[in-house]
């Protein structure tokens, strides 16, 4: 699953460098053609570093356009198994995950919750982030976002802060359980941008489901 350009980049750096004072590590093929010279090859034995290759691969993925990543992930078996995906929506998801994507082949596993409601919730995070008062707070948050005129990151952020301030709480008291409710996991891109991409209807449906299911999972009355 490595980028061809990343492998070429890594091989070129095995015993070669661009010159004294030049600490660049990431090169396109065109850059290498321009910069490479036999005179700068070291005589010492080359050492292959898998961690470095992984880092270089991530940098090359970062340099790809969202459109090229969309074309690549649409051709993967996971995409075909999930049926047709709206390309405009796919590009919005890629926009959120691009910086986190180390391998293009990991996209569908990483983006799973953008395309279907979570079946499970990360239990350790629930135990840490979900208390007896959380469900009531999320119900209140649902009411706030139902009335947000424009369902965008700014409006969602303000709705969450309104509920938190009303109860003299930090935003994190809501941010973490909201993320768990809508994605099932504890990490991901910026929450408010994520909710905007998912859309109001999906967010409310997933929140309502989590409010019903999670207390039972945790044994909270």
N, C-alpha and C. Protein backbone atom coordinates (compact mmCIF):
# COMPACT_ATOMS: atom_id res chain seq x y z
N UNK A 1 0.79 -1.23 0.00
CA UNK A 1 0.00 0.00 0.00
C UNK A 1 0.82 1.27 0.00
N UNK A 2 2.12 1.17 -0.16
CA UNK A 2 2.97 2.37 -0.18
C UNK A 2 2.81 3.11 -1.50
N UNK A 3 2.97 4.43 -1.42
CA UNK A 3 2.99 5.25 -2.63
C UNK A 3 4.26 4.94 -3.42
N UNK A 4 4.13 4.77 -4.73
CA UNK A 4 5.31 4.52 -5.56
C UNK A 4 6.33 5.65 -5.40
N UNK A 5 5.83 6.87 -5.35
CA UNK A 5 6.73 8.03 -5.22
C UNK A 5 7.48 8.01 -3.89
N UNK A 6 6.83 7.47 -2.82
CA UNK A 6 7.47 7.40 -1.50
C UNK A 6 8.59 6.36 -1.50
N UNK A 7 8.36 5.21 -2.18
CA UNK A 7 9.39 4.18 -2.24
C UNK A 7 10.61 4.69 -3.01
N UNK A 8 10.37 5.34 -4.15
CA UNK A 8 11.48 5.92 -4.92
C UNK A 8 12.23 6.95 -4.08
N UNK A 9 11.49 7.78 -3.36
CA UNK A 9 12.07 8.80 -2.49
C UNK A 9 12.97 8.15 -1.44
N UNK A 10 12.47 7.09 -0.80
CA UNK A 10 13.22 6.43 0.27
C UNK A 10 14.46 5.74 -0.28
N UNK A 11 14.33 5.07 -1.43
CA UNK A 11 15.49 4.39 -2.03
C UNK A 11 16.58 5.40 -2.37
N UNK A 12 16.17 6.55 -2.89
CA UNK A 12 17.15 7.58 -3.28
C UNK A 12 17.95 8.07 -2.08
N UNK A 13 17.33 8.06 -0.90
CA UNK A 13 18.00 8.55 0.30
C UNK A 13 18.89 7.49 0.96
N UNK A 14 18.89 6.27 0.42
CA UNK A 14 19.76 5.22 0.95
C UNK A 14 21.17 5.42 0.40
N UNK A 15 21.94 6.25 1.09
CA UNK A 15 23.31 6.48 0.66
C UNK A 15 23.51 7.75 -0.14
N UNK A 16 22.46 8.55 -0.26
CA UNK A 16 22.58 9.82 -1.00
C UNK A 16 21.92 10.93 -0.19
N UNK A 17 22.39 12.15 -0.34
CA UNK A 17 21.73 13.31 0.26
C UNK A 17 21.86 14.48 -0.69
N UNK A 18 20.99 15.47 -0.55
CA UNK A 18 20.98 16.58 -1.52
C UNK A 18 22.12 17.58 -1.35
N UNK A 19 22.89 17.48 -0.26
CA UNK A 19 24.02 18.39 -0.11
C UNK A 19 24.11 18.96 1.29
N UNK A 20 25.27 19.43 1.65
CA UNK A 20 25.50 19.98 2.98
C UNK A 20 24.59 21.18 3.23
N UNK A 21 23.96 21.17 4.40
CA UNK A 21 23.07 22.26 4.76
C UNK A 21 21.66 22.12 4.20
N UNK A 22 21.43 21.10 3.39
CA UNK A 22 20.10 20.85 2.81
C UNK A 22 19.50 19.63 3.51
N UNK A 23 18.52 19.86 4.39
CA UNK A 23 17.98 18.76 5.19
C UNK A 23 16.65 18.23 4.65
N UNK A 24 16.36 18.51 3.39
CA UNK A 24 15.12 18.00 2.80
C UNK A 24 15.11 16.47 2.79
N UNK A 25 13.94 15.91 3.07
CA UNK A 25 13.76 14.46 3.08
C UNK A 25 12.71 14.01 2.06
N UNK A 26 11.83 14.90 1.68
CA UNK A 26 10.70 14.54 0.82
C UNK A 26 10.94 15.10 -0.58
N UNK A 27 10.97 14.21 -1.56
CA UNK A 27 11.23 14.60 -2.95
C UNK A 27 10.23 13.91 -3.87
N UNK A 28 9.75 14.65 -4.84
CA UNK A 28 9.00 14.03 -5.93
C UNK A 28 10.00 13.42 -6.91
N UNK A 29 9.52 12.63 -7.85
CA UNK A 29 10.42 12.07 -8.85
C UNK A 29 11.09 13.18 -9.66
N UNK A 30 10.34 14.22 -10.00
CA UNK A 30 10.92 15.35 -10.74
C UNK A 30 12.02 16.03 -9.92
N UNK A 31 11.79 16.16 -8.60
CA UNK A 31 12.82 16.75 -7.73
C UNK A 31 14.09 15.90 -7.76
N UNK A 32 13.91 14.58 -7.68
CA UNK A 32 15.07 13.68 -7.66
C UNK A 32 15.86 13.74 -8.97
N UNK A 33 15.13 13.78 -10.07
CA UNK A 33 15.80 13.88 -11.37
C UNK A 33 16.64 15.15 -11.44
N UNK A 34 16.11 16.20 -10.87
CA UNK A 34 16.80 17.49 -10.89
C UNK A 34 17.99 17.51 -9.93
N UNK A 35 17.84 16.91 -8.74
CA UNK A 35 18.83 17.05 -7.67
C UNK A 35 19.87 15.93 -7.61
N UNK A 36 19.51 14.72 -8.04
CA UNK A 36 20.36 13.56 -7.80
C UNK A 36 21.68 13.64 -8.57
N UNK A 37 22.74 13.22 -7.91
CA UNK A 37 24.05 13.12 -8.58
C UNK A 37 24.84 11.98 -7.97
N UNK A 38 25.57 11.26 -8.81
CA UNK A 38 26.39 10.15 -8.32
C UNK A 38 27.46 10.63 -7.35
N UNK A 39 27.89 11.86 -7.53
CA UNK A 39 28.95 12.40 -6.69
C UNK A 39 28.57 12.53 -5.23
N UNK A 40 27.28 12.52 -4.93
CA UNK A 40 26.85 12.69 -3.54
C UNK A 40 26.44 11.36 -2.90
N UNK A 41 26.75 10.27 -3.54
CA UNK A 41 26.48 8.96 -2.93
C UNK A 41 27.57 8.64 -1.91
N UNK A 42 27.16 8.25 -0.71
CA UNK A 42 28.12 7.93 0.35
C UNK A 42 28.72 6.54 0.14
N UNK A 43 29.93 6.36 0.63
CA UNK A 43 30.59 5.06 0.53
C UNK A 43 30.16 4.13 1.67
N UNK A 44 29.67 4.70 2.76
CA UNK A 44 29.24 3.88 3.90
C UNK A 44 28.02 3.05 3.51
N UNK A 45 27.86 1.91 4.18
CA UNK A 45 26.71 1.03 3.91
C UNK A 45 25.39 1.76 4.23
N UNK A 46 24.41 1.60 3.36
CA UNK A 46 23.10 2.23 3.57
C UNK A 46 22.32 1.47 4.64
N UNK A 47 21.51 2.20 5.39
CA UNK A 47 20.67 1.60 6.43
C UNK A 47 19.21 1.91 6.12
N UNK A 48 18.41 0.86 5.96
CA UNK A 48 16.99 1.04 5.68
C UNK A 48 16.22 1.23 6.98
N UNK A 49 15.35 2.24 7.01
CA UNK A 49 14.58 2.58 8.21
C UNK A 49 13.09 2.55 7.86
N UNK A 50 12.38 1.54 8.35
CA UNK A 50 10.96 1.40 8.02
C UNK A 50 10.14 2.58 8.55
N UNK A 51 10.49 3.07 9.74
CA UNK A 51 9.76 4.22 10.29
C UNK A 51 9.90 5.43 9.38
N UNK A 52 11.09 5.60 8.82
CA UNK A 52 11.31 6.73 7.92
C UNK A 52 10.48 6.57 6.65
N UNK A 53 10.43 5.34 6.12
CA UNK A 53 9.61 5.10 4.93
C UNK A 53 8.15 5.41 5.22
N UNK A 54 7.66 4.98 6.39
CA UNK A 54 6.26 5.26 6.75
C UNK A 54 6.00 6.76 6.84
N UNK A 55 6.95 7.50 7.41
CA UNK A 55 6.81 8.95 7.50
C UNK A 55 6.82 9.58 6.11
N UNK A 56 7.73 9.15 5.27
CA UNK A 56 7.82 9.68 3.91
C UNK A 56 6.54 9.36 3.14
N UNK A 57 5.99 8.17 3.37
CA UNK A 57 4.75 7.80 2.68
C UNK A 57 3.62 8.75 3.07
N UNK A 58 3.51 9.04 4.35
CA UNK A 58 2.47 9.97 4.81
C UNK A 58 2.64 11.33 4.14
N UNK A 59 3.89 11.80 4.03
CA UNK A 59 4.14 13.09 3.40
C UNK A 59 3.73 13.08 1.92
N UNK A 60 3.94 11.97 1.25
CA UNK A 60 3.54 11.88 -0.16
C UNK A 60 2.02 11.80 -0.30
N UNK A 61 1.36 11.13 0.63
CA UNK A 61 -0.10 11.12 0.62
C UNK A 61 -0.62 12.54 0.82
N UNK A 62 0.01 13.28 1.72
CA UNK A 62 -0.38 14.66 1.98
C UNK A 62 -0.27 15.52 0.73
N UNK A 63 0.69 15.22 -0.14
CA UNK A 63 0.91 16.02 -1.34
C UNK A 63 -0.06 15.68 -2.47
N UNK A 64 -0.79 14.59 -2.32
CA UNK A 64 -1.77 14.23 -3.35
C UNK A 64 -2.99 15.13 -3.25
N UNK A 65 -3.63 15.38 -4.35
CA UNK A 65 -4.85 16.19 -4.34
C UNK A 65 -6.01 15.36 -3.80
N UNK A 66 -7.00 16.00 -3.19
CA UNK A 66 -8.17 15.26 -2.72
C UNK A 66 -8.83 14.47 -3.86
N UNK A 67 -8.82 15.04 -5.06
CA UNK A 67 -9.45 14.37 -6.20
C UNK A 67 -8.74 13.06 -6.55
N UNK A 68 -7.39 13.06 -6.49
CA UNK A 68 -6.66 11.84 -6.81
C UNK A 68 -6.86 10.78 -5.73
N UNK A 69 -6.97 11.21 -4.48
CA UNK A 69 -7.25 10.25 -3.40
C UNK A 69 -8.66 9.69 -3.56
N UNK A 70 -9.62 10.55 -3.93
CA UNK A 70 -10.99 10.09 -4.14
C UNK A 70 -11.05 9.03 -5.23
N UNK A 71 -10.30 9.26 -6.31
CA UNK A 71 -10.29 8.27 -7.40
C UNK A 71 -9.68 6.96 -6.93
N UNK A 72 -8.62 7.05 -6.12
CA UNK A 72 -7.94 5.85 -5.63
C UNK A 72 -8.82 5.06 -4.66
N UNK A 73 -9.44 5.74 -3.70
CA UNK A 73 -10.24 5.02 -2.71
C UNK A 73 -11.54 4.50 -3.32
N UNK A 74 -12.03 5.16 -4.36
CA UNK A 74 -13.25 4.68 -5.02
C UNK A 74 -13.02 3.37 -5.74
N UNK A 75 -11.77 3.09 -6.09
CA UNK A 75 -11.43 1.85 -6.81
C UNK A 75 -11.13 0.69 -5.86
N UNK A 76 -11.07 0.96 -4.57
CA UNK A 76 -10.75 -0.09 -3.61
C UNK A 76 -11.95 -1.02 -3.39
N UNK A 77 -11.71 -2.28 -3.05
CA UNK A 77 -12.81 -3.22 -2.83
C UNK A 77 -13.83 -2.74 -1.79
N UNK A 78 -13.34 -2.07 -0.75
CA UNK A 78 -14.25 -1.59 0.30
C UNK A 78 -15.27 -0.61 -0.25
N UNK A 79 -14.87 0.18 -1.25
CA UNK A 79 -15.79 1.14 -1.85
C UNK A 79 -16.87 0.41 -2.64
N UNK A 80 -16.47 -0.61 -3.39
CA UNK A 80 -17.42 -1.37 -4.20
C UNK A 80 -18.41 -2.13 -3.32
N UNK A 81 -17.94 -2.59 -2.16
CA UNK A 81 -18.81 -3.33 -1.24
C UNK A 81 -19.88 -2.42 -0.64
N UNK A 82 -19.54 -1.14 -0.49
CA UNK A 82 -20.48 -0.20 0.13
C UNK A 82 -21.45 0.44 -0.83
N UNK A 83 -21.37 0.11 -2.13
CA UNK A 83 -22.27 0.72 -3.10
C UNK A 83 -21.79 2.09 -3.55
N UNK A 84 -22.63 2.77 -4.28
CA UNK A 84 -22.27 4.08 -4.83
C UNK A 84 -22.10 5.11 -3.71
N UNK A 85 -21.05 5.92 -3.83
CA UNK A 85 -20.78 6.98 -2.86
C UNK A 85 -20.82 8.32 -3.58
N UNK A 86 -21.56 9.26 -3.01
CA UNK A 86 -21.61 10.60 -3.59
C UNK A 86 -20.21 11.21 -3.59
N UNK A 87 -19.73 11.60 -4.76
CA UNK A 87 -18.36 12.08 -4.89
C UNK A 87 -18.13 13.40 -4.17
N UNK A 88 -19.11 14.27 -4.17
CA UNK A 88 -18.97 15.54 -3.46
C UNK A 88 -18.82 15.29 -1.96
N UNK A 89 -19.62 14.37 -1.44
CA UNK A 89 -19.53 14.02 -0.02
C UNK A 89 -18.20 13.35 0.28
N UNK A 90 -17.75 12.46 -0.61
CA UNK A 90 -16.47 11.78 -0.43
C UNK A 90 -15.33 12.78 -0.34
N UNK A 91 -15.35 13.78 -1.19
CA UNK A 91 -14.30 14.81 -1.16
C UNK A 91 -14.31 15.59 0.15
N UNK A 92 -15.49 15.82 0.70
CA UNK A 92 -15.57 16.53 1.99
C UNK A 92 -14.97 15.69 3.10
N UNK A 93 -15.23 14.38 3.06
CA UNK A 93 -14.66 13.46 4.07
C UNK A 93 -13.14 13.42 3.92
N UNK A 94 -12.66 13.31 2.70
CA UNK A 94 -11.22 13.29 2.47
C UNK A 94 -10.59 14.59 2.97
N UNK A 95 -11.26 15.70 2.79
CA UNK A 95 -10.75 16.98 3.28
C UNK A 95 -10.51 16.97 4.78
N UNK A 96 -11.36 16.25 5.52
CA UNK A 96 -11.21 16.16 6.97
C UNK A 96 -10.13 15.17 7.39
N UNK A 97 -9.97 14.10 6.62
CA UNK A 97 -9.07 13.02 7.02
C UNK A 97 -7.70 13.06 6.37
N UNK A 98 -7.53 13.93 5.39
CA UNK A 98 -6.30 13.95 4.58
C UNK A 98 -5.04 14.00 5.45
N UNK A 99 -5.01 14.87 6.44
CA UNK A 99 -3.82 15.03 7.27
C UNK A 99 -3.57 13.82 8.17
N UNK A 100 -4.57 13.00 8.39
CA UNK A 100 -4.43 11.84 9.26
C UNK A 100 -4.14 10.55 8.49
N UNK A 101 -4.21 10.63 7.18
CA UNK A 101 -4.12 9.43 6.36
C UNK A 101 -2.67 9.09 6.05
N UNK A 102 -2.19 7.95 6.57
CA UNK A 102 -0.83 7.49 6.31
C UNK A 102 -0.74 6.64 5.05
N UNK A 103 -1.79 5.87 4.80
CA UNK A 103 -1.86 5.01 3.61
C UNK A 103 -3.25 5.17 3.00
N UNK A 104 -3.30 5.35 1.69
CA UNK A 104 -4.59 5.50 1.02
C UNK A 104 -5.47 4.29 1.28
N UNK A 105 -4.86 3.10 1.35
CA UNK A 105 -5.63 1.88 1.58
C UNK A 105 -6.32 1.81 2.93
N UNK A 106 -5.92 2.68 3.86
CA UNK A 106 -6.54 2.69 5.19
C UNK A 106 -7.79 3.56 5.24
N UNK A 107 -8.11 4.22 4.13
CA UNK A 107 -9.17 5.24 4.16
C UNK A 107 -10.50 4.69 4.66
N UNK A 108 -10.97 3.59 4.09
CA UNK A 108 -12.32 3.13 4.43
C UNK A 108 -12.44 2.67 5.87
N UNK A 109 -11.37 2.11 6.40
CA UNK A 109 -11.38 1.73 7.82
C UNK A 109 -11.44 2.99 8.69
N UNK A 110 -10.67 3.99 8.32
CA UNK A 110 -10.63 5.22 9.09
C UNK A 110 -11.93 6.02 8.95
N UNK A 111 -12.54 5.95 7.78
CA UNK A 111 -13.70 6.79 7.48
C UNK A 111 -15.03 6.06 7.67
N UNK A 112 -15.00 4.87 8.21
CA UNK A 112 -16.18 4.02 8.30
C UNK A 112 -17.40 4.75 8.83
N UNK A 113 -17.23 5.52 9.91
CA UNK A 113 -18.39 6.16 10.56
C UNK A 113 -18.98 7.31 9.75
N UNK A 114 -18.29 7.74 8.69
CA UNK A 114 -18.88 8.77 7.83
C UNK A 114 -19.94 8.17 6.91
N UNK A 115 -19.92 6.86 6.76
CA UNK A 115 -20.80 6.22 5.78
C UNK A 115 -21.83 5.28 6.40
N UNK A 116 -21.68 4.95 7.68
CA UNK A 116 -22.71 4.16 8.35
C UNK A 116 -22.68 4.45 9.85
N UNK A 117 -23.84 4.31 10.48
CA UNK A 117 -23.94 4.55 11.91
C UNK A 117 -23.08 3.53 12.66
N UNK A 118 -22.44 3.95 13.76
CA UNK A 118 -21.60 3.01 14.51
C UNK A 118 -22.42 1.89 15.13
N UNK A 119 -21.87 0.66 15.06
CA UNK A 119 -22.53 -0.49 15.69
C UNK A 119 -22.13 -0.62 17.15
N UNK A 120 -20.92 -0.15 17.46
CA UNK A 120 -20.38 -0.29 18.81
C UNK A 120 -19.74 1.02 19.24
N UNK A 121 -19.47 1.12 20.52
CA UNK A 121 -18.82 2.30 21.09
C UNK A 121 -17.56 1.87 21.84
N UNK A 122 -16.55 2.66 21.74
CA UNK A 122 -15.27 2.36 22.39
C UNK A 122 -15.48 2.34 23.91
N UNK A 123 -15.48 1.15 24.49
CA UNK A 123 -15.90 0.98 25.87
C UNK A 123 -15.03 1.74 26.86
N UNK A 124 -13.72 1.66 26.69
CA UNK A 124 -12.82 2.33 27.64
C UNK A 124 -13.08 3.84 27.64
N UNK A 125 -13.32 4.41 26.46
CA UNK A 125 -13.60 5.84 26.38
C UNK A 125 -14.95 6.17 26.99
N UNK A 126 -15.94 5.30 26.79
CA UNK A 126 -17.25 5.53 27.41
C UNK A 126 -17.12 5.57 28.92
N UNK A 127 -16.38 4.62 29.47
CA UNK A 127 -16.23 4.56 30.93
C UNK A 127 -15.54 5.79 31.47
N UNK A 128 -14.69 6.40 30.65
CA UNK A 128 -13.95 7.58 31.09
C UNK A 128 -14.74 8.86 30.86
N UNK A 129 -15.50 8.91 29.76
CA UNK A 129 -16.10 10.17 29.31
C UNK A 129 -17.61 10.29 29.53
N UNK A 130 -18.29 9.19 29.87
CA UNK A 130 -19.76 9.21 29.97
C UNK A 130 -20.17 8.99 31.41
N UNK A 131 -20.82 9.98 32.00
CA UNK A 131 -21.25 9.89 33.41
C UNK A 131 -22.78 9.84 33.48
N UNK A 132 -23.29 9.83 34.70
CA UNK A 132 -24.73 9.76 34.89
C UNK A 132 -25.48 10.96 34.35
N UNK A 133 -24.81 12.11 34.22
CA UNK A 133 -25.47 13.32 33.73
C UNK A 133 -25.35 13.50 32.22
N UNK A 134 -24.54 12.66 31.57
CA UNK A 134 -24.21 12.89 30.16
C UNK A 134 -25.43 12.81 29.25
N UNK A 135 -26.27 11.81 29.44
CA UNK A 135 -27.43 11.65 28.56
C UNK A 135 -28.31 12.89 28.58
N UNK A 136 -28.55 13.45 29.77
CA UNK A 136 -29.38 14.65 29.87
C UNK A 136 -28.72 15.83 29.15
N UNK A 137 -27.41 15.95 29.27
CA UNK A 137 -26.70 17.02 28.58
C UNK A 137 -26.80 16.86 27.07
N UNK A 138 -26.69 15.63 26.59
CA UNK A 138 -26.78 15.40 25.15
C UNK A 138 -28.19 15.65 24.61
N UNK A 139 -29.19 15.34 25.41
CA UNK A 139 -30.57 15.66 25.02
C UNK A 139 -30.72 17.17 24.85
N UNK A 140 -30.14 17.90 25.77
CA UNK A 140 -30.18 19.36 25.71
C UNK A 140 -29.41 19.87 24.49
N UNK A 141 -28.28 19.25 24.21
CA UNK A 141 -27.49 19.64 23.04
C UNK A 141 -28.26 19.37 21.75
N UNK A 142 -28.97 18.25 21.71
CA UNK A 142 -29.79 17.94 20.53
C UNK A 142 -30.82 19.03 20.29
N UNK A 143 -31.44 19.50 21.35
CA UNK A 143 -32.45 20.57 21.21
C UNK A 143 -31.80 21.84 20.66
N UNK A 144 -30.58 22.11 21.13
CA UNK A 144 -29.88 23.31 20.65
C UNK A 144 -29.55 23.22 19.17
N UNK A 145 -29.04 22.07 18.73
CA UNK A 145 -28.64 21.99 17.31
C UNK A 145 -29.85 21.84 16.39
N UNK A 146 -30.97 21.38 16.94
CA UNK A 146 -32.20 21.34 16.13
C UNK A 146 -32.61 22.75 15.72
N UNK A 147 -32.32 23.72 16.58
CA UNK A 147 -32.74 25.10 16.32
C UNK A 147 -31.67 25.97 15.68
N UNK A 148 -30.47 25.41 15.45
CA UNK A 148 -29.42 26.18 14.78
C UNK A 148 -29.86 26.47 13.35
N UNK A 149 -29.85 27.74 12.99
CA UNK A 149 -30.34 28.13 11.66
C UNK A 149 -29.47 27.56 10.55
N UNK A 150 -28.15 27.74 10.67
CA UNK A 150 -27.21 27.21 9.69
C UNK A 150 -26.38 26.14 10.38
N UNK A 151 -26.50 24.90 9.92
CA UNK A 151 -25.82 23.79 10.57
C UNK A 151 -24.38 23.72 10.05
N UNK A 152 -23.55 24.60 10.59
CA UNK A 152 -22.14 24.58 10.22
C UNK A 152 -21.29 24.52 11.48
N UNK A 153 -19.96 24.43 11.30
CA UNK A 153 -19.07 24.24 12.45
C UNK A 153 -19.23 25.35 13.49
N UNK A 154 -19.36 26.58 13.02
CA UNK A 154 -19.49 27.71 13.95
C UNK A 154 -20.78 27.62 14.76
N UNK A 155 -21.87 27.30 14.08
CA UNK A 155 -23.16 27.20 14.77
C UNK A 155 -23.20 26.05 15.76
N UNK A 156 -22.61 24.93 15.39
CA UNK A 156 -22.56 23.76 16.26
C UNK A 156 -21.70 24.05 17.49
N UNK A 157 -20.57 24.69 17.25
CA UNK A 157 -19.66 25.08 18.34
C UNK A 157 -20.41 25.95 19.35
N UNK A 158 -21.12 26.95 18.85
CA UNK A 158 -21.85 27.86 19.74
C UNK A 158 -22.93 27.12 20.52
N UNK A 159 -23.61 26.19 19.86
CA UNK A 159 -24.66 25.43 20.54
C UNK A 159 -24.08 24.61 21.69
N UNK A 160 -22.95 23.99 21.44
CA UNK A 160 -22.31 23.19 22.48
C UNK A 160 -21.84 24.07 23.64
N UNK A 161 -21.23 25.21 23.31
CA UNK A 161 -20.75 26.11 24.36
C UNK A 161 -21.93 26.64 25.18
N UNK A 162 -23.05 26.86 24.55
CA UNK A 162 -24.24 27.36 25.26
C UNK A 162 -24.68 26.37 26.33
N UNK A 163 -24.74 25.10 25.95
CA UNK A 163 -25.15 24.06 26.91
C UNK A 163 -24.12 23.93 28.03
N UNK A 164 -22.84 23.91 27.66
CA UNK A 164 -21.78 23.77 28.67
C UNK A 164 -21.80 24.92 29.66
N UNK A 165 -21.92 26.15 29.15
CA UNK A 165 -21.92 27.32 30.04
C UNK A 165 -23.15 27.35 30.92
N UNK A 166 -24.25 26.87 30.41
CA UNK A 166 -25.49 26.83 31.18
C UNK A 166 -25.33 25.99 32.45
N UNK A 167 -24.45 24.99 32.37
CA UNK A 167 -24.23 24.09 33.50
C UNK A 167 -22.86 24.31 34.14
N UNK A 168 -22.22 25.42 33.79
CA UNK A 168 -20.89 25.76 34.33
C UNK A 168 -19.89 24.63 34.11
N UNK A 169 -19.90 24.07 32.89
CA UNK A 169 -19.01 22.97 32.54
C UNK A 169 -18.01 23.41 31.47
N UNK A 170 -16.91 22.70 31.38
CA UNK A 170 -15.99 22.90 30.28
C UNK A 170 -16.57 22.25 29.03
N UNK A 171 -16.17 22.74 27.88
CA UNK A 171 -16.67 22.18 26.63
C UNK A 171 -16.38 20.70 26.49
N UNK A 172 -15.27 20.24 27.07
CA UNK A 172 -14.87 18.83 26.96
C UNK A 172 -15.90 17.89 27.57
N UNK A 173 -16.70 18.40 28.52
CA UNK A 173 -17.72 17.56 29.15
C UNK A 173 -18.76 17.10 28.13
N UNK A 174 -18.87 17.85 27.03
CA UNK A 174 -19.79 17.49 25.95
C UNK A 174 -19.06 16.99 24.71
N UNK A 175 -17.92 17.60 24.42
CA UNK A 175 -17.20 17.27 23.19
C UNK A 175 -16.89 15.78 23.10
N UNK A 176 -16.35 15.20 24.16
CA UNK A 176 -15.95 13.79 24.11
C UNK A 176 -17.15 12.85 23.97
N UNK A 177 -18.20 13.00 24.79
CA UNK A 177 -19.34 12.09 24.61
C UNK A 177 -20.08 12.29 23.29
N UNK A 178 -20.10 13.52 22.78
CA UNK A 178 -20.74 13.75 21.48
C UNK A 178 -19.98 12.99 20.40
N UNK A 179 -18.65 13.08 20.43
CA UNK A 179 -17.84 12.36 19.44
C UNK A 179 -18.10 10.85 19.52
N UNK A 180 -18.14 10.32 20.74
CA UNK A 180 -18.41 8.89 20.91
C UNK A 180 -19.79 8.52 20.39
N UNK A 181 -20.76 9.38 20.63
CA UNK A 181 -22.14 9.10 20.23
C UNK A 181 -22.27 9.03 18.70
N UNK A 182 -21.60 9.92 18.00
CA UNK A 182 -21.81 9.98 16.55
C UNK A 182 -20.83 9.13 15.75
N UNK A 183 -19.67 8.78 16.35
CA UNK A 183 -18.68 8.01 15.61
C UNK A 183 -18.39 6.65 16.23
N UNK A 184 -18.60 6.51 17.52
CA UNK A 184 -18.29 5.26 18.22
C UNK A 184 -16.84 5.19 18.68
N UNK A 185 -16.03 6.17 18.31
CA UNK A 185 -14.62 6.17 18.68
C UNK A 185 -14.26 7.48 19.37
N UNK A 186 -13.07 7.51 19.97
CA UNK A 186 -12.69 8.65 20.81
C UNK A 186 -11.76 9.64 20.12
N UNK A 187 -11.29 9.32 18.92
CA UNK A 187 -10.37 10.21 18.22
C UNK A 187 -10.85 10.43 16.80
N UNK A 188 -10.40 11.53 16.21
CA UNK A 188 -10.79 11.83 14.85
C UNK A 188 -10.54 13.29 14.53
N UNK A 189 -11.02 13.76 13.41
CA UNK A 189 -10.83 15.17 13.04
C UNK A 189 -11.63 16.09 13.95
N UNK A 190 -11.49 17.39 13.74
CA UNK A 190 -12.20 18.37 14.55
C UNK A 190 -13.69 18.05 14.65
N UNK A 191 -14.22 18.05 15.87
CA UNK A 191 -15.59 17.59 16.09
C UNK A 191 -16.62 18.42 15.32
N UNK A 192 -16.51 19.74 15.39
CA UNK A 192 -17.54 20.58 14.79
C UNK A 192 -17.55 20.46 13.27
N UNK A 193 -16.38 20.35 12.67
CA UNK A 193 -16.29 20.15 11.23
C UNK A 193 -16.84 18.77 10.85
N UNK A 194 -16.55 17.78 11.69
CA UNK A 194 -17.05 16.42 11.48
C UNK A 194 -18.58 16.40 11.49
N UNK A 195 -19.19 17.04 12.49
CA UNK A 195 -20.64 17.08 12.59
C UNK A 195 -21.26 17.80 11.40
N UNK A 196 -20.60 18.86 10.95
CA UNK A 196 -21.10 19.60 9.79
C UNK A 196 -21.16 18.69 8.56
N UNK A 197 -20.10 17.91 8.34
CA UNK A 197 -20.06 17.01 7.19
C UNK A 197 -21.13 15.92 7.31
N UNK A 198 -21.30 15.37 8.51
CA UNK A 198 -22.32 14.33 8.70
C UNK A 198 -23.72 14.85 8.44
N UNK A 199 -23.98 16.09 8.81
CA UNK A 199 -25.30 16.68 8.61
C UNK A 199 -26.20 16.55 9.82
N UNK A 200 -27.13 17.49 9.95
CA UNK A 200 -27.98 17.57 11.14
C UNK A 200 -28.79 16.28 11.37
N UNK A 201 -29.42 15.76 10.33
CA UNK A 201 -30.29 14.59 10.49
C UNK A 201 -29.50 13.39 11.01
N UNK A 202 -28.34 13.14 10.43
CA UNK A 202 -27.52 12.01 10.86
C UNK A 202 -27.03 12.19 12.29
N UNK A 203 -26.59 13.39 12.62
CA UNK A 203 -26.09 13.67 13.97
C UNK A 203 -27.19 13.45 15.00
N UNK A 204 -28.37 13.97 14.76
CA UNK A 204 -29.48 13.82 15.71
C UNK A 204 -29.88 12.35 15.85
N UNK A 205 -29.90 11.62 14.75
CA UNK A 205 -30.27 10.20 14.81
C UNK A 205 -29.26 9.41 15.64
N UNK A 206 -27.99 9.66 15.40
CA UNK A 206 -26.94 8.91 16.13
C UNK A 206 -26.90 9.31 17.60
N UNK A 207 -27.11 10.58 17.87
CA UNK A 207 -27.11 11.03 19.27
C UNK A 207 -28.27 10.39 20.03
N UNK A 208 -29.44 10.37 19.41
CA UNK A 208 -30.62 9.78 20.05
C UNK A 208 -30.38 8.30 20.34
N UNK A 209 -29.78 7.60 19.39
CA UNK A 209 -29.49 6.18 19.56
C UNK A 209 -28.50 5.95 20.71
N UNK A 210 -27.46 6.77 20.76
CA UNK A 210 -26.46 6.62 21.82
C UNK A 210 -27.05 6.93 23.19
N UNK A 211 -27.91 7.94 23.25
CA UNK A 211 -28.55 8.31 24.52
C UNK A 211 -29.36 7.14 25.06
N UNK A 212 -29.93 6.35 24.16
CA UNK A 212 -30.73 5.20 24.57
C UNK A 212 -29.85 3.99 24.92
N UNK A 213 -28.77 3.78 24.15
CA UNK A 213 -27.99 2.55 24.28
C UNK A 213 -26.89 2.63 25.35
N UNK A 214 -26.18 3.75 25.40
CA UNK A 214 -24.97 3.80 26.24
C UNK A 214 -25.25 3.62 27.72
N UNK A 215 -26.28 4.25 28.30
CA UNK A 215 -26.54 4.00 29.74
C UNK A 215 -26.72 2.52 30.05
N UNK A 216 -27.36 1.79 29.13
CA UNK A 216 -27.53 0.34 29.34
C UNK A 216 -26.20 -0.38 29.28
N UNK A 217 -25.35 0.01 28.33
CA UNK A 217 -24.02 -0.59 28.20
C UNK A 217 -23.21 -0.40 29.47
N UNK A 218 -23.33 0.81 30.05
CA UNK A 218 -22.55 1.15 31.24
C UNK A 218 -23.24 0.80 32.55
N UNK A 219 -24.50 0.38 32.45
CA UNK A 219 -25.24 0.06 33.67
C UNK A 219 -25.60 1.29 34.48
N UNK A 220 -25.89 2.41 33.76
CA UNK A 220 -26.27 3.66 34.43
C UNK A 220 -27.79 3.75 34.39
N UNK A 221 -28.42 3.96 35.52
CA UNK A 221 -29.87 4.09 35.59
C UNK A 221 -30.29 5.52 35.27
